[in-house]
Structure formats: C-alpha cells, structure tokens
Amino acid sequence: MSATLVTIARPAAAKRRGAVRRICVACWDAVAGYFVRRSAITTLRELDDRALQDIGIARSQIEAAVQGFISLPEQGRMS
C-alpha cells in the first residue's frame, strides 16, 4: 500500500515544484524587465531634444514610449 501512496503523492509534489519555479522565473523576468526599462528611460533622457525629434518622440513622451504606449511613426523605406 505504501508504494501506491508514494506513486500517487510524487506527481503532485513535482507539479508544485514546477509551479514554484515558473513563479520565480516570472518574478525574475519582471524585475529584469523593470531595470531594462529604467535604463532605456535614462538613456533617452540623456539625449537632446533634436535627437529625440529624430526618433519621433518628445521629451514628455519618453516613459510612455519605453512602456510601449506610443508607437513610433512608420518611416518610408528607400528602394
């Protein structure tokens, strides 16, 4: 009977370990993404207004652009 109990209990424990790992990976990805976005914002703030205009954003739009709330205008390709 104990062999049957171990066989039944083991898959449940394995699922929990997998779930905890996925949660940890998701948290790590969120923290890493936060620092990448903060770095991008800092880099864009160091640019002058003319460089930002060339990119297609105003200084007041930097954070929104980094977050993905502002889409950059499509640039025509030269053939």
PDB file of N, CA and C in Angstrom:
ATOM      1  N   MET A   1       0.819  -1.193   0.000  1.00  0.00           N
ATOM      2  CA  MET A   1       0.000   0.000   0.000  1.00  0.00           C
ATOM      3  C   MET A   1       0.864   1.258   0.000  1.00  0.00           C
ATOM      4  N   SER A   2       1.991   1.247   0.702  1.00  0.00           N
ATOM      5  CA  SER A   2       2.830   2.444   0.752  1.00  0.00           C
ATOM      6  C   SER A   2       3.417   2.777  -0.614  1.00  0.00           C
ATOM      7  N   ALA A   3       3.701   1.801  -1.435  1.00  0.00           N
ATOM      8  CA  ALA A   3       4.215   2.076  -2.773  1.00  0.00           C
ATOM      9  C   ALA A   3       3.166   2.809  -3.601  1.00  0.00           C
ATOM     10  N   THR A   4       1.917   2.460  -3.433  1.00  0.00           N
ATOM     11  CA  THR A   4       0.858   3.133  -4.155  1.00  0.00           C
ATOM     12  C   THR A   4       0.719   4.578  -3.679  1.00  0.00           C
ATOM     13  N   LEU A   5       0.844   4.801  -2.392  1.00  0.00           N
ATOM     14  CA  LEU A   5       0.743   6.148  -1.839  1.00  0.00           C
ATOM     15  C   LEU A   5       1.885   7.030  -2.352  1.00  0.00           C
ATOM     16  N   VAL A   6       3.102   6.519  -2.416  1.00  0.00           N
ATOM     17  CA  VAL A   6       4.238   7.282  -2.915  1.00  0.00           C
ATOM     18  C   VAL A   6       4.035   7.603  -4.395  1.00  0.00           C
ATOM     19  N   THR A   7       3.530   6.647  -5.146  1.00  0.00           N
ATOM     20  CA  THR A   7       3.296   6.857  -6.566  1.00  0.00           C
ATOM     21  C   THR A   7       2.242   7.935  -6.791  1.00  0.00           C
ATOM     22  N   ILE A   8       1.254   7.984  -5.949  1.00  0.00           N
ATOM     23  CA  ILE A   8       0.205   8.988  -6.083  1.00  0.00           C
ATOM     24  C   ILE A   8       0.699  10.361  -5.622  1.00  0.00           C
ATOM     25  N   ALA A   9       1.459  10.429  -4.554  1.00  0.00           N
ATOM     26  CA  ALA A   9       1.881  11.701  -3.974  1.00  0.00           C
ATOM     27  C   ALA A   9       3.005  12.352  -4.779  1.00  0.00           C
ATOM     28  N   ARG A  10       3.861  11.579  -5.402  1.00  0.00           N
ATOM     29  CA  ARG A  10       5.015  12.140  -6.102  1.00  0.00           C
ATOM     30  C   ARG A  10       4.629  13.080  -7.248  1.00  0.00           C
ATOM     31  N   PRO A  11       3.697  12.736  -8.127  1.00  0.00           N
ATOM     32  CA  PRO A  11       3.364  13.679  -9.201  1.00  0.00           C
ATOM     33  C   PRO A  11       2.842  15.019  -8.680  1.00  0.00           C
ATOM     34  N   ALA A  12       2.099  15.004  -7.586  1.00  0.00           N
ATOM     35  CA  ALA A  12       1.593  16.259  -7.030  1.00  0.00           C
ATOM     36  C   ALA A  12       2.745  17.131  -6.548  1.00  0.00           C
ATOM     37  N   ALA A  13       3.735  16.530  -5.923  1.00  0.00           N
ATOM     38  CA  ALA A  13       4.893  17.296  -5.455  1.00  0.00           C
ATOM     39  C   ALA A  13       5.684  17.839  -6.639  1.00  0.00           C
ATOM     40  N   ALA A  14       5.807  17.066  -7.696  1.00  0.00           N
ATOM     41  CA  ALA A  14       6.536  17.522  -8.877  1.00  0.00           C
ATOM     42  C   ALA A  14       5.814  18.696  -9.527  1.00  0.00           C
ATOM     43  N   LYS A  15       4.500  18.672  -9.545  1.00  0.00           N
ATOM     44  CA  LYS A  15       3.743  19.788 -10.116  1.00  0.00           C
ATOM     45  C   LYS A  15       3.952  21.056  -9.295  1.00  0.00           C
ATOM     46  N   ARG A  16       4.024  20.931  -7.989  1.00  0.00           N
ATOM     47  CA  ARG A  16       4.236  22.095  -7.137  1.00  0.00           C
ATOM     48  C   ARG A  16       5.612  22.707  -7.373  1.00  0.00           C
ATOM     49  N   ARG A  17       6.626  21.854  -7.508  1.00  0.00           N
ATOM     50  CA  ARG A  17       7.972  22.374  -7.765  1.00  0.00           C
ATOM     51  C   ARG A  17       8.007  23.106  -9.099  1.00  0.00           C
ATOM     52  N   GLY A  18       7.328  22.567 -10.085  1.00  0.00           N
ATOM     53  CA  GLY A  18       7.281  23.228 -11.385  1.00  0.00           C
ATOM     54  C   GLY A  18       6.565  24.560 -11.313  1.00  0.00           C
ATOM     55  N   ALA A  19       5.507  24.623 -10.523  1.00  0.00           N
ATOM     56  CA  ALA A  19       4.747  25.865 -10.383  1.00  0.00           C
ATOM     57  C   ALA A  19       5.573  26.925  -9.656  1.00  0.00           C
ATOM     58  N   VAL A  20       6.275  26.520  -8.613  1.00  0.00           N
ATOM     59  CA  VAL A  20       7.115  27.463  -7.867  1.00  0.00           C
ATOM     60  C   VAL A  20       8.228  27.982  -8.770  1.00  0.00           C
ATOM     61  N   ARG A  21       8.811  27.096  -9.565  1.00  0.00           N
ATOM     62  CA  ARG A  21       9.864  27.514 -10.489  1.00  0.00           C
ATOM     63  C   ARG A  21       9.325  28.525 -11.504  1.00  0.00           C
ATOM     64  N   ARG A  22       8.145  28.266 -12.050  1.00  0.00           N
ATOM     65  CA  ARG A  22       7.558  29.193 -13.016  1.00  0.00           C
ATOM     66  C   ARG A  22       7.284  30.549 -12.385  1.00  0.00           C
ATOM     67  N   ILE A  23       6.820  30.549 -11.143  1.00  0.00           N
ATOM     68  CA  ILE A  23       6.560  31.812 -10.443  1.00  0.00           C
ATOM     69  C   ILE A  23       7.868  32.567 -10.221  1.00  0.00           C
ATOM     70  N   CYS A  24       8.916  31.855  -9.820  1.00  0.00           N
ATOM     71  CA  CYS A  24      10.219  32.501  -9.603  1.00  0.00           C
ATOM     72  C   CYS A  24      10.767  33.071 -10.902  1.00  0.00           C
ATOM     73  N   VAL A  25      10.653  32.333 -11.991  1.00  0.00           N
ATOM     74  CA  VAL A  25      11.128  32.811 -13.286  1.00  0.00           C
ATOM     75  C   VAL A  25      10.330  34.031 -13.721  1.00  0.00           C
ATOM     76  N   ALA A  26       9.020  34.013 -13.521  1.00  0.00           N
ATOM     77  CA  ALA A  26       8.186  35.157 -13.895  1.00  0.00           C
ATOM     78  C   ALA A  26       8.560  36.394 -13.076  1.00  0.00           C
ATOM     79  N   CYS A  27       8.819  36.210 -11.792  1.00  0.00           N
ATOM     80  CA  CYS A  27       9.235  37.338 -10.944  1.00  0.00           C
ATOM     81  C   CYS A  27      10.588  37.880 -11.390  1.00  0.00           C
ATOM     82  N   TRP A  28      11.516  36.972 -11.668  1.00  0.00           N
ATOM     83  CA  TRP A  28      12.842  37.398 -12.126  1.00  0.00           C
ATOM     84  C   TRP A  28      12.729  38.164 -13.435  1.00  0.00           C
ATOM     85  N   ASP A  29      11.925  37.676 -14.373  1.00  0.00           N
ATOM     86  CA  ASP A  29      11.733  38.360 -15.646  1.00  0.00           C
ATOM     87  C   ASP A  29      11.125  39.745 -15.447  1.00  0.00           C
ATOM     88  N   ALA A  30      10.195  39.869 -14.516  1.00  0.00           N
ATOM     89  CA  ALA A  30       9.568  41.160 -14.248  1.00  0.00           C
ATOM     90  C   ALA A  30      10.584  42.151 -13.677  1.00  0.00           C
ATOM     91  N   VAL A  31      11.409  41.699 -12.755  1.00  0.00           N
ATOM     92  CA  VAL A  31      12.427  42.573 -12.158  1.00  0.00           C
ATOM     93  C   VAL A  31      13.461  42.972 -13.208  1.00  0.00           C
ATOM     94  N   ALA A  32      13.903  42.009 -14.004  1.00  0.00           N
ATOM     95  CA  ALA A  32      14.882  42.309 -15.049  1.00  0.00           C
ATOM     96  C   ALA A  32      14.291  43.286 -16.067  1.00  0.00           C
ATOM     97  N   GLY A  33      13.039  43.086 -16.451  1.00  0.00           N
ATOM     98  CA  GLY A  33      12.378  43.990 -17.388  1.00  0.00           C
ATOM     99  C   GLY A  33      12.275  45.394 -16.841  1.00  0.00           C
ATOM    100  N   TYR A  34      12.010  45.513 -15.545  1.00  0.00           N
ATOM    101  CA  TYR A  34      11.928  46.823 -14.903  1.00  0.00           C
ATOM    102  C   TYR A  34      13.262  47.571 -15.050  1.00  0.00           C
ATOM    103  N   PHE A  35      14.367  46.881 -14.765  1.00  0.00           N
ATOM    104  CA  PHE A  35      15.667  47.537 -14.846  1.00  0.00           C
ATOM    105  C   PHE A  35      16.051  47.866 -16.286  1.00  0.00           C
ATOM    106  N   VAL A  36      15.661  47.039 -17.229  1.00  0.00           N
ATOM    107  CA  VAL A  36      15.927  47.340 -18.638  1.00  0.00           C
ATOM    108  C   VAL A  36      15.156  48.586 -19.057  1.00  0.00           C
ATOM    109  N   ARG A  37      13.881  48.681 -18.660  1.00  0.00           N
ATOM    110  CA  ARG A  37      13.080  49.865 -18.998  1.00  0.00           C
ATOM    111  C   ARG A  37      13.647  51.115 -18.341  1.00  0.00           C
ATOM    112  N   ARG A  38      14.069  51.022 -17.071  1.00  0.00           N
ATOM    113  CA  ARG A  38      14.645  52.185 -16.389  1.00  0.00           C
ATOM    114  C   ARG A  38      15.926  52.635 -17.082  1.00  0.00           C
ATOM    115  N   SER A  39      16.722  51.697 -17.540  1.00  0.00           N
ATOM    116  CA  SER A  39      17.948  52.024 -18.255  1.00  0.00           C
ATOM    117  C   SER A  39      17.635  52.720 -19.580  1.00  0.00           C
ATOM    118  N   ALA A  40      16.628  52.241 -20.285  1.00  0.00           N
ATOM    119  CA  ALA A  40      16.237  52.860 -21.555  1.00  0.00           C
ATOM    120  C   ALA A  40      15.739  54.285 -21.323  1.00  0.00           C
ATOM    121  N   ILE A  41      14.969  54.488 -20.275  1.00  0.00           N
ATOM    122  CA  ILE A  41      14.458  55.821 -19.950  1.00  0.00           C
ATOM    123  C   ILE A  41      15.621  56.762 -19.628  1.00  0.00           C
ATOM    124  N   THR A  42      16.581  56.286 -18.849  1.00  0.00           N
ATOM    125  CA  THR A  42      17.745  57.106 -18.501  1.00  0.00           C
ATOM    126  C   THR A  42      18.538  57.481 -19.750  1.00  0.00           C
ATOM    127  N   THR A  43      18.723  56.516 -20.637  1.00  0.00           N
ATOM    128  CA  THR A  43      19.468  56.776 -21.872  1.00  0.00           C
ATOM    129  C   THR A  43      18.749  57.795 -22.747  1.00  0.00           C
ATOM    130  N   LEU A  44      17.442  57.655 -22.878  1.00  0.00           N
ATOM    131  CA  LEU A  44      16.684  58.606 -23.700  1.00  0.00           C
ATOM    132  C   LEU A  44      16.662  59.995 -23.082  1.00  0.00           C
ATOM    133  N   ARG A  45      16.626  60.094 -21.776  1.00  0.00           N
ATOM    134  CA  ARG A  45      16.639  61.408 -21.117  1.00  0.00           C
ATOM    135  C   ARG A  45      17.964  62.129 -21.320  1.00  0.00           C
ATOM    136  N   GLU A  46      19.034  61.373 -21.582  1.00  0.00           N
ATOM    137  CA  GLU A  46      20.336  61.999 -21.810  1.00  0.00           C
ATOM    138  C   GLU A  46      20.446  62.609 -23.209  1.00  0.00           C
ATOM    139  N   LEU A  47      19.551  62.222 -24.121  1.00  0.00           N
ATOM    140  CA  LEU A  47      19.577  62.762 -25.481  1.00  0.00           C
ATOM    141  C   LEU A  47      19.048  64.198 -25.496  1.00  0.00           C
ATOM    142  N   ASP A  48      19.518  64.979 -26.467  1.00  0.00           N
ATOM    143  CA  ASP A  48      18.983  66.330 -26.599  1.00  0.00           C
ATOM    144  C   ASP A  48      17.655  66.281 -27.366  1.00  0.00           C
ATOM    145  N   ASP A  49      16.956  67.411 -27.376  1.00  0.00           N
ATOM    146  CA  ASP A  49      15.623  67.459 -27.990  1.00  0.00           C
ATOM    147  C   ASP A  49      15.656  67.153 -29.483  1.00  0.00           C
ATOM    148  N   ARG A  50      16.732  67.540 -30.152  1.00  0.00           N
ATOM    149  CA  ARG A  50      16.818  67.278 -31.588  1.00  0.00           C
ATOM    150  C   ARG A  50      16.939  65.772 -31.871  1.00  0.00           C
ATOM    151  N   ALA A  51      17.726  65.079 -31.071  1.00  0.00           N
ATOM    152  CA  ALA A  51      17.862  63.630 -31.245  1.00  0.00           C
ATOM    153  C   ALA A  51      16.540  62.928 -30.964  1.00  0.00           C
ATOM    154  N   LEU A  52      15.839  63.391 -29.940  1.00  0.00           N
ATOM    155  CA  LEU A  52      14.521  62.805 -29.648  1.00  0.00           C
ATOM    156  C   LEU A  52      13.551  63.073 -30.789  1.00  0.00           C
ATOM    157  N   GLN A  53      13.627  64.259 -31.377  1.00  0.00           N
ATOM    158  CA  GLN A  53      12.759  64.591 -32.503  1.00  0.00           C
ATOM    159  C   GLN A  53      13.065  63.680 -33.688  1.00  0.00           C
ATOM    160  N   ASP A  54      14.345  63.366 -33.892  1.00  0.00           N
ATOM    161  CA  ASP A  54      14.722  62.438 -34.962  1.00  0.00           C
ATOM    162  C   ASP A  54      14.128  61.051 -34.728  1.00  0.00           C
ATOM    163  N   ILE A  55      14.054  60.647 -33.473  1.00  0.00           N
ATOM    164  CA  ILE A  55      13.455  59.347 -33.139  1.00  0.00           C
ATOM    165  C   ILE A  55      11.941  59.394 -33.335  1.00  0.00           C
ATOM    166  N   GLY A  56      11.365  60.563 -33.097  1.00  0.00           N
ATOM    167  CA  GLY A  56       9.928  60.720 -33.280  1.00  0.00           C
ATOM    168  C   GLY A  56       9.146  60.829 -31.995  1.00  0.00           C
ATOM    169  N   ILE A  57       9.838  61.180 -30.900  1.00  0.00           N
ATOM    170  CA  ILE A  57       9.135  61.370 -29.631  1.00  0.00           C
ATOM    171  C   ILE A  57       9.561  62.689 -29.003  1.00  0.00           C
ATOM    172  N   ALA A  58       8.698  63.208 -28.157  1.00  0.00           N
ATOM    173  CA  ALA A  58       9.005  64.412 -27.387  1.00  0.00           C
ATOM    174  C   ALA A  58       9.524  63.978 -26.015  1.00  0.00           C
ATOM    175  N   ARG A  59      10.197  64.883 -25.345  1.00  0.00           N
ATOM    176  CA  ARG A  59      10.749  64.564 -24.027  1.00  0.00           C
ATOM    177  C   ARG A  59       9.657  64.093 -23.055  1.00  0.00           C
ATOM    178  N   SER A  60       8.471  64.658 -23.179  1.00  0.00           N
ATOM    179  CA  SER A  60       7.374  64.276 -22.282  1.00  0.00           C
ATOM    180  C   SER A  60       6.814  62.883 -22.593  1.00  0.00           C
ATOM    181  N   GLN A  61       7.204  62.311 -23.721  1.00  0.00           N
ATOM    182  CA  GLN A  61       6.684  61.008 -24.129  1.00  0.00           C
ATOM    183  C   GLN A  61       7.665  59.863 -23.879  1.00  0.00           C
ATOM    184  N   ILE A  62       8.802  60.136 -23.271  1.00  0.00           N
ATOM    185  CA  ILE A  62       9.845  59.114 -23.125  1.00  0.00           C
ATOM    186  C   ILE A  62       9.333  57.888 -22.375  1.00  0.00           C
ATOM    187  N   GLU A  63       8.763  58.078 -21.198  1.00  0.00           N
ATOM    188  CA  GLU A  63       8.321  56.920 -20.408  1.00  0.00           C
ATOM    189  C   GLU A  63       7.224  56.140 -21.112  1.00  0.00           C
ATOM    190  N   ALA A  64       6.290  56.829 -21.734  1.00  0.00           N
ATOM    191  CA  ALA A  64       5.215  56.147 -22.449  1.00  0.00           C
ATOM    192  C   ALA A  64       5.759  55.367 -23.636  1.00  0.00           C
ATOM    193  N   ALA A  65       6.754  55.911 -24.314  1.00  0.00           N
ATOM    194  CA  ALA A  65       7.342  55.220 -25.460  1.00  0.00           C
ATOM    195  C   ALA A  65       8.077  53.960 -25.013  1.00  0.00           C
ATOM    196  N   VAL A  66       8.799  54.052 -23.910  1.00  0.00           N
ATOM    197  CA  VAL A  66       9.524  52.884 -23.401  1.00  0.00           C
ATOM    198  C   VAL A  66       8.542  51.806 -22.947  1.00  0.00           C
ATOM    199  N   GLN A  67       7.434  52.205 -22.359  1.00  0.00           N
ATOM    200  CA  GLN A  67       6.426  51.238 -21.907  1.00  0.00           C
ATOM    201  C   GLN A  67       5.660  50.622 -23.071  1.00  0.00           C
ATOM    202  N   GLY A  68       5.781  51.231 -24.256  1.00  0.00           N
ATOM    203  CA  GLY A  68       5.107  50.694 -25.433  1.00  0.00           C
ATOM    204  C   GLY A  68       3.745  51.302 -25.687  1.00  0.00           C
ATOM    205  N   PHE A  69       3.428  52.387 -24.998  1.00  0.00           N
ATOM    206  CA  PHE A  69       2.126  53.028 -25.169  1.00  0.00           C
ATOM    207  C   PHE A  69       2.081  53.950 -26.380  1.00  0.00           C
ATOM    208  N   ILE A  70       3.239  54.321 -26.892  1.00  0.00           N
ATOM    209  CA  ILE A  70       3.322  55.191 -28.062  1.00  0.00           C
ATOM    210  C   ILE A  70       4.024  54.412 -29.159  1.00  0.00           C
ATOM    211  N   SER A  71       3.379  54.316 -30.285  1.00  0.00           N
ATOM    212  CA  SER A  71       4.033  53.649 -31.407  1.00  0.00           C
ATOM    213  C   SER A  71       4.783  54.700 -32.221  1.00  0.00           C
ATOM    214  N   LEU A  72       5.958  54.339 -32.632  1.00  0.00           N
ATOM    215  CA  LEU A  72       6.759  55.258 -33.418  1.00  0.00           C
ATOM    216  C   LEU A  72       6.212  55.306 -34.832  1.00  0.00           C
ATOM    217  N   PRO A  73       6.280  56.470 -35.471  1.00  0.00           N
ATOM    218  CA  PRO A  73       5.732  56.587 -36.826  1.00  0.00           C
ATOM    219  C   PRO A  73       6.515  55.708 -37.799  1.00  0.00           C
ATOM    220  N   GLU A  74       5.808  55.176 -38.765  1.00  0.00           N
ATOM    221  CA  GLU A  74       6.447  54.348 -39.784  1.00  0.00           C
ATOM    222  C   GLU A  74       7.300  55.232 -40.675  1.00  0.00           C
ATOM    223  N   GLN A  75       8.496  54.807 -40.921  1.00  0.00           N
ATOM    224  CA  GLN A  75       9.410  55.549 -41.782  1.00  0.00           C
ATOM    225  C   GLN A  75       9.388  54.880 -43.153  1.00  0.00           C
ATOM    226  N   GLY A  76       9.315  55.674 -44.196  1.00  0.00           N
ATOM    227  CA  GLY A  76       9.315  55.114 -45.541  1.00  0.00           C
ATOM    228  C   GLY A  76      10.666  54.509 -45.873  1.00  0.00           C
ATOM    229  N   ARG A  77      10.661  53.368 -46.509  1.00  0.00           N
ATOM    230  CA  ARG A  77      11.917  52.731 -46.900  1.00  0.00           C
ATOM    231  C   ARG A  77      12.357  53.228 -48.256  1.00  0.00           C
ATOM    232  N   MET A  78      13.630  53.373 -48.392  1.00  0.00           N
ATOM    233  CA  MET A  78      14.171  53.773 -49.679  1.00  0.00           C
ATOM    234  C   MET A  78      14.416  52.515 -50.508  1.00  0.00           C
ATOM    235  N   SER A  79      13.944  52.508 -51.722  1.00  0.00           N
ATOM    236  CA  SER A  79      14.101  51.313 -52.559  1.00  0.00           C
ATOM    237  C   SER A  79      15.376  51.358 -53.351  1.00  0.00           C
TER     238      SER A  79
END
